[in-house]
Every structure is written in structure tokens, then in C-alpha cells.
Amino acid sequence: MPKAYLTILPDNKKVPLSKNASLKELIERAGIEISTPCGGRGHCGKCRVRVVKGHIEPSEADKRLINKRDLAKGHRLSCQAHATSPVAVFLPEESRMYHHDILSAAPSGIKFKRSPLAPAEAGRKRMYGLALDIGTTTVYGSLVDLKRAVELEHGSVFNGQAKYGADVISRLSYAGGGKGLEELNKAVISSVNMLIGRLIKDAGVKHNDILDIVASGNTVMQHIFLYINPLYLIEPPFHKPFKGSLSAHARSLGIKANAFARVRFLPNVSSFVGSDIVSGILSTGMGRSPSNALLVDIGTNGEVAIASKGKIVVASTAAGPAFEGAEIKCGMKASVGAIGSVAIDDGSVRIETIGGTQAKGICGSGLISSISALLRSGAIEKSGRMKKRFYLYKGKGKSVFIDQADVRQVQLAKSAIFTGIEVLMKNAGLKAEDMDHIYIAGAFGSFIDKRSAIGIGLIPAFDRRKIRFVGNSSLAGAKLALSSRHAYEEAVKIADRCEYVELSGNKEFEKGFIESMRF
């Protein structure tokens, strides 16, 4: 009996059908990465395909997340769809995980200064290093000429782990089953190697010339990157994160660099506050300043730090992936076609997209801007209630809208960040007017409108003149630590100085979180 195949269009790739494999799994076997922020559980609706030949019965998740018109046209969630006879599906652009350069659109606000170099192999003419920010959603990198302390190239790729879930909780859950940890480790190492390949190609550098790598990221990403079981962070007897910096050879980790290149991961603060915030504190210089300074890193795993009177307090607040495009119906990464800004005047909607192209979806900055505009226009009430979905853009093949579920996701995310800031300021004995410097970091930090961020309650009503967007402060700090021995040593000292404030179970945080849900 001849084999039955799945045909994937427009790639025109064919994969043999397998009895227990979903379309998502079959598509990935063809070497195509597909977006599944929910980890393939049929919750997010991001992995749509359209059946163009053959038939697949709609699943319960399809009926819940896809409207009747699209169901009739053959739209299905690939993670829930199974085929038993030959079938052809069209995989749209928005369902794919593209490896794109987000960083070039959101440069760091931190200046990269030349300083005493970290140790490198003596006598070599070509010595390069790599700074990495291992994010839950995206891996960012910077290729540096170690002799001149000059950045040659920078870029980013999706963290391949994203197909196993959008947040660290999903990753932890996956790591606990079967070969979960091995698969997660392979995914992130593969992403790093893909990024290295792109950077060295653009710079005309060889793998063997990369001699030093410094990485930062949250604790879960650190553990998975180093192939260490992260479950000990959340299960009794609650393993404490490693103190100081961890290092290994590139060869032992499977990283495509000089086999003996040193790979160092900057130190964590606690089980839930990683080296990314340490790196951010280093890059902003707030740990050395006598001023009252606040750093907010807006990402899936939101982190907050306050430096005041020689003391540094830090906290982690699970903001979720809404501001990175996940869990939002029309959400996407900050890439070409993403709506980044919205204005509503007398019912007329004006949008700006990244690259000035036709709108494909909405990214984090656009989400903040649109919610702010809808609040001012009255389309969203202070409670967060909206009567009907609001269309930001209507096109022939694609419409972009905000609905009630999206608003609730924003409320959860912004309340977590706002309340985390408030609790930490109170812990430090400070009020909004006492802050001298407010640094906002994140993948889209360079584009957030200050008034909108304050207007929706993402951050307190700070003096807008004191707010500075610093882009990817985690990568900026890793770059400094890569290029300067002194900076690296300072990062280790910063981690030791940080005092962790636990927000989980904190009554002030729980009360404030509920109150801050309102706009």
C-alpha cells in the first residue's frame, strides 16, 4: 500500500503521514518551524494552517478559536489536527517562526566603551568574542573584535524552545517529561549556532576565531543552556541557583566556535532573578551611582531593580508574553509589518507599521499604544471592559484587531510590572517623585511611548523627562563583560550586592496587583 503524505505549501515539501503525529509535528519534521506559544496545547491559535486538498475534521479547539467562516474555508490548528489520508495544507507567513533581526530595529541605549580586555589567546591576529542574551522568546547576539573592543555585527533569532511553550513555566513543565531537557537544550544551542553562523558570515569571520563567549539570561534559560536540570529551582528541596559565574568550553556545550573557547554565563541573584538583570544594572551604571535609579526589564519574565544609597533591591514579576506578541490574537514580534503605533481621532484610526508596509499584526509597543488610544477614545472602560472587538486595520487577506481577551492579557501583564515597581519602591523607602533615573529595557523598549506607558498603568506616573529607554540592557551588559575584565568582575560583585524581594505570596503585591488591574 503506497504511503500517504502531507504536502506543505507554498514550500512544496512532502512528509509521510504518521499515525499519532499532529500536523504541527509533521511540519517540523519537514524542517519548518511553526509558532506555538502555548506549547502545542490548542490554547493560543497561532499555528493555523489552511487545508487546500483533502479533509481534516475540526477539533474542539478549532471550533473554539476559529470563526465559522474560516472553519468552512479549511482553517485548522496544526497542533490539534491529525490526517489519516493524503492532505495538502497552506502554511501562512504569520504561523511561521521567522528568524529576524529585531535588534537592529531596537538598538541598545547603552554606549559601548573601549576598556581593558578580558584574557584572550596570546599571539593570535584574529580574536573575536560573542555576547549573548538568552531570552525566553528571543536570542540576541553581538560579535565583537576583542583586540579593538569594537562590535562588528549584531542580530537575533527566535529561541527554538518557543515551540515548547511561550514562558518559563511551560519550559519547566516540558523539561520534566521524558527527553524534555535534552530537547530544550538542543533547541537553544541550535538557535545560538544559527545566530553565530549569520553573524560570522556578515562579518567575514571564521568559527575558529571566536575565543570568548559571555551570556546572560534568566535562571531557567541558564540552566537549560548549560544542560542542568532546572526543576530543582521549583521543587523541594529547592536548589539555590549557582553563585558566581559558570563557565565551560564551547565544544562541551555544542557551540560552533573555537573548540576551546571559553563560555561564561554571568551570575544569578536568586532562583527567579537571573543574570539578565545583573547585566542590565552593569550596563546602565546604576550600581555605581549615588542617585535613586530604577531599571525595568519588560519581557516574558519581567524584572525590576532599584539602586539607592549603595543598596540594590531586585524582584521578578511574571508579566507573561503578551508584550512580546504571544497570547494576543493578532500579536506578533517587533518585525516588518507589525503595528507599532496607533492614534484615534474622532473615530478615525491612524496606524504606523514597522517598515511602513501593510499591517500583519501588532507588536508590544503597538499594543501599549492602541490600548492607550482606546482608553482615551472610550472604547475601553477603566475596568478593562470593551463592548466589541476593535479593528485597527482591515485588509483583503488580513485584519488586525484588539478584543476583550487581548485587553485582559494586557491588564495581567501591566499590573504585574506596575505592582512589582510599587512594592520595590516601598521596600527601598522611595516614591515616584524620588526617582532620579528610570531605565526601561526590553526588546521593544526603544519604541514605547512614555505617555502611553503611564496612561495604561504599565509604570507609575514618573517625570517623563527622567525616563530613558535603553533597549536590550542584558546584551549591552554581556558585551561590556566580554570586552572588559573590570566590567566582568563588577558584574559578579553586583550579583552579590543584590537583595532579592520575593513577590510570590507577598500580601502587598497581591493586593496591589488586583487594584492595578484597572486602567
Protein backbone atom coordinates (compact mmCIF):
# COMPACT_ATOMS: atom_id res chain seq x y z
CA MET A 1 0.00 0.00 0.00
CA PRO A 2 1.53 3.36 -1.04
CA LYS A 3 2.42 5.86 1.68
CA ALA A 4 0.15 8.83 2.34
CA TYR A 5 1.81 12.24 2.51
CA LEU A 6 1.26 15.71 3.93
CA THR A 7 2.12 18.38 1.36
CA ILE A 8 3.14 21.76 2.79
CA LEU A 9 2.55 24.81 0.59
CA PRO A 10 3.94 27.12 -0.69
CA ASP A 11 7.18 25.27 0.24
CA ASN A 12 6.02 22.22 -1.72
CA LYS A 13 7.55 19.88 0.86
CA LYS A 14 6.18 16.40 1.49
CA VAL A 15 6.24 14.41 4.72
CA PRO A 16 4.90 10.87 5.24
CA LEU A 17 1.85 10.77 7.50
CA SER A 18 2.33 9.17 10.89
CA LYS A 19 -0.49 7.64 12.92
CA ASN A 20 -0.05 9.65 16.13
CA ALA A 21 1.67 12.77 14.78
CA SER A 22 -0.15 16.11 14.55
CA LEU A 23 0.24 18.34 11.50
CA LYS A 24 2.48 20.56 13.62
CA GLU A 25 4.86 17.68 14.29
CA LEU A 26 4.86 16.68 10.62
CA ILE A 27 5.57 20.25 9.52
CA GLU A 28 8.51 20.42 11.93
CA ARG A 29 9.83 17.12 10.54
CA ALA A 30 9.98 18.92 7.19
CA GLY A 31 12.36 21.42 8.79
CA ILE A 32 9.82 24.23 9.06
CA GLU A 33 9.45 25.90 12.44
CA ILE A 34 5.91 26.82 13.40
CA SER A 35 4.72 29.27 16.05
CA THR A 36 3.17 27.60 19.11
CA PRO A 37 3.39 29.97 22.11
CA CYS A 38 1.07 27.69 24.12
CA GLY A 39 3.37 24.71 23.60
CA GLY A 40 1.00 22.97 21.21
CA ARG A 41 -1.88 22.66 23.66
CA GLY A 42 -4.50 24.29 21.43
CA HIS A 43 -4.83 27.45 23.52
CA CYS A 44 -3.25 30.27 21.52
CA GLY A 45 -4.47 29.74 17.96
CA LYS A 46 -1.14 30.84 16.46
CA CYS A 47 -0.35 27.67 14.49
CA ARG A 48 -3.08 27.90 11.85
CA VAL A 49 -2.90 26.14 8.52
CA ARG A 50 -5.46 26.01 5.70
CA VAL A 51 -6.40 22.66 4.20
CA VAL A 52 -6.40 23.06 0.42
CA LYS A 53 -6.65 19.40 -0.58
CA GLY A 54 -8.15 16.52 1.37
CA HIS A 55 -10.16 16.83 4.57
CA ILE A 56 -9.47 17.14 8.30
CA GLU A 57 -12.33 17.27 10.78
CA PRO A 58 -12.23 20.39 13.02
CA SER A 59 -11.19 19.76 16.61
CA GLU A 60 -12.86 21.26 19.68
CA ALA A 61 -10.01 23.79 19.85
CA ASP A 62 -10.66 24.71 16.20
CA LYS A 63 -14.33 25.36 16.97
CA ARG A 64 -13.39 27.47 19.97
CA LEU A 65 -10.68 29.61 18.37
CA ILE A 66 -11.59 29.80 14.67
CA ASN A 67 -14.71 31.52 13.36
CA LYS A 68 -17.24 29.56 11.31
CA ARG A 69 -16.34 31.24 8.03
CA ASP A 70 -12.66 30.31 8.34
CA LEU A 71 -13.52 26.80 9.52
CA ALA A 72 -15.55 26.35 6.34
CA LYS A 73 -12.53 27.52 4.32
CA GLY A 74 -10.42 24.76 5.87
CA HIS A 75 -8.55 26.64 8.60
CA ARG A 76 -7.26 24.31 11.34
CA LEU A 77 -4.87 24.50 14.30
CA SER A 78 -1.92 22.36 13.25
CA CYS A 79 -1.16 21.29 16.82
CA GLN A 80 -4.60 19.67 17.13
CA ALA A 81 -5.06 18.40 13.57
CA HIS A 82 -4.37 14.80 12.50
CA ALA A 83 -4.58 13.43 8.97
CA THR A 84 -5.30 9.82 8.01
CA SER A 85 -5.33 10.28 4.23
CA PRO A 86 -3.30 12.42 1.80
CA VAL A 87 -3.71 16.11 2.52
CA ALA A 88 -2.19 19.42 1.40
CA VAL A 89 -2.09 22.48 3.64
CA PHE A 90 -1.07 26.09 3.13
CA LEU A 91 1.15 27.41 5.94
CA PRO A 92 0.75 31.22 6.13
CA GLU A 93 3.55 33.62 6.96
CA GLU A 94 2.08 34.58 10.35
CA SER A 95 2.12 30.96 11.55
CA ARG A 96 5.83 30.56 10.93
CA MET A 97 8.67 31.25 13.33
CA TYR A 98 10.93 33.57 11.40
CA HIS A 99 14.50 34.28 12.47
CA HIS A 100 14.69 38.01 12.03
CA ASP A 101 16.86 40.86 13.22
CA ILE A 102 14.81 42.56 15.91
CA LEU A 103 17.87 44.10 17.50
CA SER A 104 18.77 46.24 14.51
CA ALA A 105 15.40 47.94 14.90
CA ALA A 106 15.82 48.43 18.64
CA PRO A 107 19.43 49.39 19.38
CA SER A 108 20.69 49.47 22.93
CA GLY A 109 20.69 52.89 24.55
CA ILE A 110 23.97 52.00 26.26
CA LYS A 111 27.22 53.29 24.78
CA PHE A 112 29.85 50.63 24.16
CA LYS A 113 33.17 51.93 25.51
CA ARG A 114 36.66 50.63 24.88
CA SER A 115 38.27 49.29 28.05
CA PRO A 116 40.88 46.77 29.30
CA LEU A 117 40.24 43.49 27.53
CA ALA A 118 39.34 40.18 29.05
CA PRO A 119 42.00 37.45 28.68
CA ALA A 120 42.40 36.04 25.17
CA GLU A 121 44.73 33.68 23.37
CA ALA A 122 48.11 35.38 23.02
CA GLY A 123 49.75 35.77 19.63
CA ARG A 124 46.59 35.50 17.52
CA LYS A 125 45.90 38.16 14.93
CA ARG A 126 42.18 37.48 14.78
CA MET A 127 40.43 37.34 18.15
CA TYR A 128 36.69 37.67 18.39
CA GLY A 129 34.15 37.28 21.13
CA LEU A 130 30.40 36.80 21.31
CA ALA A 131 27.98 38.41 23.77
CA LEU A 132 24.64 36.63 24.16
CA ASP A 133 21.30 37.43 25.76
CA ILE A 134 19.46 34.13 26.06
CA GLY A 135 15.86 35.33 26.26
CA THR A 136 12.80 33.18 26.80
CA THR A 137 11.45 34.20 23.40
CA THR A 138 14.48 35.52 21.50
CA VAL A 139 18.26 35.00 21.49
CA TYR A 140 20.25 38.18 20.82
CA GLY A 141 23.94 38.30 19.97
CA SER A 142 26.80 40.70 19.34
CA LEU A 143 30.06 39.75 17.60
CA VAL A 144 32.97 41.77 18.98
CA ASP A 145 36.56 42.31 17.83
CA LEU A 146 38.34 41.68 21.15
CA LYS A 147 41.54 43.49 20.15
CA ARG A 148 39.75 46.73 19.32
CA ALA A 149 36.70 46.34 21.58
CA VAL A 150 34.51 47.11 18.56
CA GLU A 151 31.19 45.49 17.69
CA LEU A 152 31.29 44.00 14.20
CA GLU A 153 27.76 42.62 13.87
CA HIS A 154 24.64 42.13 15.94
CA GLY A 155 21.42 40.26 15.39
CA SER A 156 18.77 37.99 16.83
CA VAL A 157 16.92 34.73 16.22
CA PHE A 158 13.92 33.16 17.85
CA ASN A 159 14.72 30.88 20.75
CA GLY A 160 13.89 27.48 19.26
CA GLN A 161 12.44 26.47 22.63
CA ALA A 162 9.41 28.67 21.92
CA LYS A 163 7.68 25.77 20.17
CA TYR A 164 7.54 24.02 23.56
CA GLY A 165 5.77 26.95 25.26
CA ALA A 166 5.84 30.74 25.47
CA ASP A 167 7.02 31.18 29.07
CA VAL A 168 9.42 29.68 31.60
CA ILE A 169 6.63 27.75 33.34
CA SER A 170 5.85 25.95 30.07
CA ARG A 171 9.56 25.19 29.59
CA LEU A 172 9.90 23.88 33.15
CA SER A 173 6.88 21.66 32.61
CA TYR A 174 8.33 20.31 29.37
CA ALA A 175 11.77 19.79 30.92
CA GLY A 176 10.21 17.45 33.46
CA GLY A 177 8.99 14.91 30.93
CA GLY A 178 10.96 12.23 29.07
CA LYS A 179 13.71 13.80 26.98
CA GLY A 180 12.34 17.28 27.59
CA LEU A 181 15.54 18.82 28.96
CA GLU A 182 17.61 17.34 26.14
CA GLU A 183 15.22 18.69 23.50
CA LEU A 184 15.10 22.15 25.09
CA ASN A 185 18.89 22.27 25.33
CA LYS A 186 19.30 21.22 21.69
CA ALA A 187 16.76 23.86 20.64
CA VAL A 188 18.55 26.79 22.30
CA ILE A 189 22.04 25.62 21.27
CA SER A 190 20.78 25.26 17.70
CA SER A 191 19.42 28.82 17.87
CA VAL A 192 22.76 30.13 19.17
CA ASN A 193 24.64 28.32 16.39
CA MET A 194 22.25 29.69 13.78
CA LEU A 195 22.89 33.20 15.10
CA ILE A 196 26.66 32.66 15.13
CA GLY A 197 26.51 31.47 11.53
CA ARG A 198 24.71 34.61 10.43
CA LEU A 199 26.99 36.98 12.34
CA ILE A 200 30.28 35.49 11.15
CA LYS A 201 29.04 35.32 7.57
CA ASP A 202 28.17 39.02 7.62
CA ALA A 203 31.47 39.93 9.31
CA GLY A 204 33.71 37.62 7.27
CA VAL A 205 34.89 35.79 10.40
CA LYS A 206 35.56 32.07 10.96
CA HIS A 207 34.05 29.92 13.72
CA ASN A 208 37.54 29.07 14.96
CA ASP A 209 38.34 32.74 15.63
CA ILE A 210 35.63 33.08 18.30
CA LEU A 211 37.61 32.64 21.53
CA ASP A 212 35.37 34.02 24.26
CA ILE A 213 31.60 33.98 24.84
CA VAL A 214 29.71 35.75 27.64
CA ALA A 215 25.99 35.06 28.10
CA SER A 216 23.23 36.38 30.31
CA GLY A 217 19.61 35.39 30.80
CA ASN A 218 17.06 34.29 33.37
CA THR A 219 17.81 31.34 35.64
CA VAL A 220 15.72 28.81 33.71
CA MET A 221 17.38 29.76 30.42
CA GLN A 222 20.79 29.49 32.09
CA HIS A 223 20.13 26.00 33.39
CA ILE A 224 18.77 24.72 30.08
CA PHE A 225 21.61 26.36 28.10
CA LEU A 226 24.17 24.61 30.32
CA TYR A 227 22.17 21.34 30.27
CA ILE A 228 21.42 21.48 34.00
CA ASN A 229 18.03 20.29 35.28
CA PRO A 230 16.04 23.47 36.09
CA LEU A 231 13.34 21.64 38.07
CA TYR A 232 15.44 21.91 41.22
CA LEU A 233 14.64 25.64 41.19
CA ILE A 234 10.95 24.95 41.86
CA GLU A 235 10.82 21.55 43.56
CA PRO A 236 11.80 20.56 47.11
CA PRO A 237 14.44 20.83 48.47
CA PHE A 238 14.60 23.97 46.26
CA HIS A 239 18.09 24.01 44.82
CA LYS A 240 19.63 27.50 45.05
CA PRO A 241 20.99 28.96 41.81
CA PHE A 242 24.71 28.80 41.25
CA LYS A 243 26.68 31.57 42.91
CA GLY A 244 29.27 33.31 40.81
CA SER A 245 29.81 32.79 37.13
CA LEU A 246 29.68 29.38 35.46
CA SER A 247 32.00 28.53 32.58
CA ALA A 248 32.59 25.70 30.13
CA HIS A 249 34.27 25.08 26.80
CA ALA A 250 32.27 25.72 23.64
CA ARG A 251 32.95 22.16 22.47
CA SER A 252 31.34 20.63 25.57
CA LEU A 253 28.17 22.67 25.01
CA GLY A 254 27.95 22.01 21.28
CA ILE A 255 28.52 25.65 20.36
CA LYS A 256 30.15 26.28 16.99
CA ALA A 257 33.16 28.36 17.96
CA ASN A 258 36.80 27.58 18.69
CA ALA A 259 36.65 24.18 20.45
CA PHE A 260 38.43 25.62 23.47
CA ALA A 261 36.60 28.94 23.50
CA ARG A 262 35.54 29.87 26.99
CA VAL A 263 31.79 30.21 27.53
CA ARG A 264 30.86 32.16 30.66
CA PHE A 265 27.36 32.72 31.99
CA LEU A 266 27.04 35.80 34.21
CA PRO A 267 25.86 35.14 37.80
CA ASN A 268 22.26 34.96 39.00
CA VAL A 269 20.78 36.67 42.05
CA SER A 270 18.14 34.15 43.16
CA SER A 271 16.09 31.24 41.85
CA PHE A 272 13.89 33.65 39.89
CA VAL A 273 16.16 36.64 39.23
CA GLY A 274 18.80 35.85 36.66
CA SER A 275 21.92 37.39 35.23
CA ASP A 276 19.91 39.44 32.73
CA ILE A 277 19.04 41.97 35.44
CA VAL A 278 22.65 41.89 36.74
CA SER A 279 23.78 42.63 33.20
CA GLY A 280 21.27 45.48 32.95
CA ILE A 281 22.48 47.03 36.20
CA LEU A 282 26.05 46.82 34.91
CA SER A 283 25.26 48.40 31.54
CA THR A 284 23.29 51.33 32.96
CA GLY A 285 25.92 52.05 35.62
CA MET A 286 23.19 52.43 38.24
CA GLY A 287 25.10 50.26 40.71
CA ARG A 288 27.89 52.85 40.85
CA SER A 289 25.68 55.94 41.00
CA PRO A 290 24.60 57.69 44.23
CA SER A 291 21.29 58.61 42.54
CA ASN A 292 17.98 56.80 43.00
CA ALA A 293 17.64 54.66 39.89
CA LEU A 294 15.08 52.15 38.65
CA LEU A 295 15.55 49.52 35.94
CA VAL A 296 12.52 47.75 34.49
CA ASP A 297 13.16 44.93 32.02
CA ILE A 298 9.87 44.34 30.22
CA GLY A 299 9.79 40.81 28.89
CA THR A 300 8.11 37.47 29.43
CA ASN A 301 9.91 37.21 32.76
CA GLY A 302 9.69 40.86 33.88
CA GLU A 303 12.36 42.01 36.32
CA VAL A 304 12.75 45.18 38.38
CA ALA A 305 15.78 46.64 40.18
CA ILE A 306 16.23 49.75 42.32
CA ALA A 307 19.59 51.20 43.35
CA SER A 308 19.56 53.74 46.19
CA LYS A 309 22.13 54.78 48.79
CA GLY A 310 24.51 51.99 47.86
CA LYS A 311 21.81 49.32 48.15
CA ILE A 312 20.33 47.31 45.28
CA VAL A 313 16.98 45.53 45.60
CA VAL A 314 15.57 43.32 42.86
CA ALA A 315 12.38 41.38 42.15
CA SER A 316 10.92 39.18 39.46
CA THR A 317 7.35 39.63 38.30
CA ALA A 318 5.84 37.21 35.80
CA ALA A 319 4.48 39.59 33.18
CA GLY A 320 3.86 36.84 30.64
CA PRO A 321 4.49 37.04 26.89
CA ALA A 322 1.71 39.49 25.91
CA PHE A 323 4.10 42.38 25.22
CA GLU A 324 6.21 40.06 23.05
CA GLY A 325 3.26 39.21 20.82
CA ALA A 326 2.18 35.90 22.34
CA GLU A 327 -1.28 35.26 23.84
CA ILE A 328 -2.61 38.18 21.73
CA LYS A 329 -4.95 37.23 18.86
CA CYS A 330 -3.15 39.35 16.26
CA GLY A 331 0.10 39.61 18.21
CA MET A 332 3.49 39.27 16.56
CA LYS A 333 7.14 40.14 17.08
CA ALA A 334 8.51 43.62 16.50
CA SER A 335 9.32 42.96 12.84
CA VAL A 336 8.32 44.32 9.44
CA GLY A 337 4.55 44.70 9.17
CA ALA A 338 3.91 44.93 12.91
CA ILE A 339 1.75 47.83 14.05
CA GLY A 340 3.98 49.85 16.38
CA SER A 341 1.90 52.97 16.97
CA VAL A 342 -1.83 53.79 17.00
CA ALA A 343 -3.74 57.08 17.19
CA ILE A 344 -7.53 57.54 17.23
CA ASP A 345 -9.02 60.95 16.44
CA ASP A 346 -12.79 61.41 16.13
CA GLY A 347 -13.21 57.73 15.39
CA SER A 348 -10.54 57.76 12.68
CA VAL A 349 -7.72 55.27 13.23
CA ARG A 350 -4.14 56.02 12.19
CA ILE A 351 -1.50 53.31 12.42
CA GLU A 352 2.23 53.13 11.80
CA THR A 353 3.88 49.82 10.96
CA ILE A 354 7.49 48.78 11.23
CA GLY A 355 8.98 49.16 7.77
CA GLY A 356 5.96 51.15 6.58
CA THR A 357 4.40 48.06 4.99
CA GLN A 358 0.89 46.59 5.13
CA ALA A 359 -0.13 45.60 8.66
CA LYS A 360 0.34 41.92 9.51
CA GLY A 361 -0.24 42.08 13.26
CA ILE A 362 0.58 44.09 16.35
CA CYS A 363 3.75 44.08 18.46
CA GLY A 364 4.31 45.15 22.08
CA SER A 365 4.73 48.88 21.51
CA GLY A 366 1.66 48.90 19.25
CA LEU A 367 -0.32 47.03 21.87
CA ILE A 368 0.53 49.62 24.53
CA SER A 369 -0.19 52.47 22.12
CA SER A 370 -3.51 51.01 20.94
CA ILE A 371 -4.80 50.25 24.46
CA SER A 372 -3.91 53.81 25.49
CA ALA A 373 -5.70 55.25 22.44
CA LEU A 374 -8.78 53.05 23.00
CA LEU A 375 -8.93 54.16 26.65
CA ARG A 376 -8.82 57.83 25.65
CA SER A 377 -11.50 57.29 23.00
CA GLY A 378 -13.79 55.48 25.44
CA ALA A 379 -13.76 52.19 23.53
CA ILE A 380 -12.26 50.55 26.62
CA GLU A 381 -13.58 51.32 30.10
CA LYS A 382 -11.36 51.82 33.17
CA SER A 383 -12.36 48.32 34.28
CA GLY A 384 -10.96 46.94 31.03
CA ARG A 385 -14.35 46.09 29.59
CA MET A 386 -14.92 46.64 25.89
CA LYS A 387 -18.20 46.11 24.08
CA LYS A 388 -16.82 44.59 20.88
CA ARG A 389 -13.55 43.92 19.14
CA PHE A 390 -11.92 46.99 17.65
CA TYR A 391 -10.37 46.80 14.19
CA LEU A 392 -7.10 48.69 13.81
CA TYR A 393 -6.70 47.60 10.21
CA LYS A 394 -8.92 45.85 7.67
CA GLY A 395 -7.28 44.36 4.62
CA LYS A 396 -8.19 41.85 1.94
CA GLY A 397 -6.19 38.97 3.33
CA LYS A 398 -5.53 40.14 6.88
CA SER A 399 -7.32 42.22 9.50
CA VAL A 400 -5.74 43.34 12.77
CA PHE A 401 -7.92 43.86 15.82
CA ILE A 402 -7.95 44.09 19.61
CA ASP A 403 -10.59 42.09 21.51
CA GLN A 404 -11.66 41.59 25.12
CA ALA A 405 -9.31 38.66 25.71
CA ASP A 406 -6.36 40.75 24.47
CA VAL A 407 -7.25 43.56 26.87
CA ARG A 408 -7.33 41.10 29.78
CA GLN A 409 -3.86 39.81 28.84
CA VAL A 410 -2.55 43.37 28.84
CA GLN A 411 -4.18 44.03 32.21
CA LEU A 412 -2.44 41.00 33.73
CA ALA A 413 0.94 41.94 32.27
CA LYS A 414 0.86 45.65 33.08
CA SER A 415 -0.48 45.04 36.59
CA ALA A 416 2.36 42.62 37.36
CA ILE A 417 5.01 45.12 36.25
CA PHE A 418 3.38 48.19 37.85
CA THR A 419 2.82 46.44 41.18
CA GLY A 420 6.34 45.00 41.17
CA ILE A 421 7.72 48.53 40.79
CA GLU A 422 5.47 49.89 43.55
CA VAL A 423 6.37 47.15 46.05
CA LEU A 424 10.08 47.52 45.33
CA MET A 425 9.95 51.33 45.68
CA LYS A 426 8.19 50.96 49.03
CA ASN A 427 10.81 48.44 50.13
CA ALA A 428 13.50 51.00 49.28
CA GLY A 429 11.59 53.80 51.04
CA LEU A 430 11.06 55.72 47.81
CA LYS A 431 8.17 57.31 45.90
CA ALA A 432 7.80 58.01 42.19
CA GLU A 433 8.93 61.62 42.63
CA ASP A 434 12.12 60.46 44.38
CA MET A 435 13.44 58.60 41.36
CA ASP A 436 16.27 60.34 39.52
CA HIS A 437 16.62 57.87 36.67
CA ILE A 438 14.14 55.39 35.20
CA TYR A 439 15.60 52.93 32.71
CA ILE A 440 13.17 50.87 30.64
CA ALA A 441 14.70 47.88 28.89
CA GLY A 442 13.29 45.22 26.62
CA ALA A 443 13.14 44.04 23.04
CA PHE A 444 10.81 46.92 22.12
CA GLY A 445 11.94 49.37 24.81
CA SER A 446 13.22 51.93 22.32
CA PHE A 447 9.77 52.42 20.82
CA ILE A 448 7.34 52.65 23.73
CA ASP A 449 5.54 55.97 24.01
CA LYS A 450 6.12 57.31 27.54
CA ARG A 451 2.67 58.84 27.84
CA SER A 452 1.02 55.59 26.74
CA ALA A 453 3.08 53.50 29.18
CA ILE A 454 2.00 55.73 32.06
CA GLY A 455 -1.54 56.07 30.69
CA ILE A 456 -2.32 52.34 30.76
CA GLY A 457 -0.65 51.87 34.15
CA LEU A 458 2.38 49.94 32.94
CA ILE A 459 4.64 52.19 35.02
CA PRO A 460 3.88 54.78 37.74
CA ALA A 461 3.49 58.47 36.89
CA PHE A 462 7.21 59.27 36.78
CA ASP A 463 8.53 62.56 35.46
CA ARG A 464 8.72 61.70 31.76
CA ARG A 465 11.96 63.66 31.39
CA LYS A 466 13.68 61.15 33.68
CA ILE A 467 12.62 58.10 31.66
CA ARG A 468 15.23 56.64 29.35
CA PHE A 469 14.73 53.69 27.02
CA VAL A 470 17.85 51.54 26.91
CA GLY A 471 16.86 48.74 24.54
CA ASN A 472 18.45 45.40 25.33
CA SER A 473 20.36 46.16 28.54
CA SER A 474 21.04 42.46 29.13
CA LEU A 475 23.01 42.16 25.88
CA ALA A 476 24.70 45.51 26.49
CA GLY A 477 25.96 44.28 29.87
CA ALA A 478 27.15 40.98 28.42
CA LYS A 479 29.05 42.98 25.80
CA LEU A 480 30.78 45.05 28.47
CA ALA A 481 31.68 41.94 30.48
CA LEU A 482 33.06 40.31 27.33
CA SER A 483 35.32 43.23 26.49
CA SER A 484 36.49 44.30 29.92
CA ARG A 485 37.89 42.23 32.77
CA HIS A 486 36.95 45.02 35.18
CA ALA A 487 33.34 45.05 33.95
CA TYR A 488 33.11 41.28 34.31
CA GLU A 489 34.36 41.44 37.89
CA GLU A 490 31.90 44.26 38.60
CA ALA A 491 29.01 42.07 37.36
CA VAL A 492 30.00 39.37 39.85
CA LYS A 493 30.06 41.97 42.65
CA ILE A 494 26.66 43.36 41.59
CA ALA A 495 25.10 39.89 41.89
CA ASP A 496 26.48 39.60 45.43
CA ARG A 497 25.14 43.06 46.37
CA CYS A 498 21.60 42.50 45.12
CA GLU A 499 18.92 41.84 47.74
CA TYR A 500 16.05 39.74 46.42
CA VAL A 501 12.48 40.68 47.34
CA GLU A 502 10.07 37.75 46.96
CA LEU A 503 6.75 38.85 45.43
CA SER A 504 5.09 35.43 45.36
CA GLY A 505 2.85 35.25 48.41
CA ASN A 506 3.60 38.89 49.26
CA LYS A 507 0.30 40.33 50.56
CA GLU A 508 1.16 43.86 49.44
CA PHE A 509 1.85 42.60 45.95
CA GLU A 510 -1.34 40.52 45.83
CA LYS A 511 -3.48 43.45 46.97
CA GLY A 512 -1.74 45.91 44.65
CA PHE A 513 -1.98 43.53 41.71
CA ILE A 514 -5.78 43.36 41.97
CA GLU A 515 -6.08 47.14 42.35
CA SER A 516 -3.71 47.81 39.44
CA MET A 517 -5.77 45.69 37.05
CA ARG A 518 -7.88 48.78 36.41
CA PHE A 519 -6.70 51.31 33.87
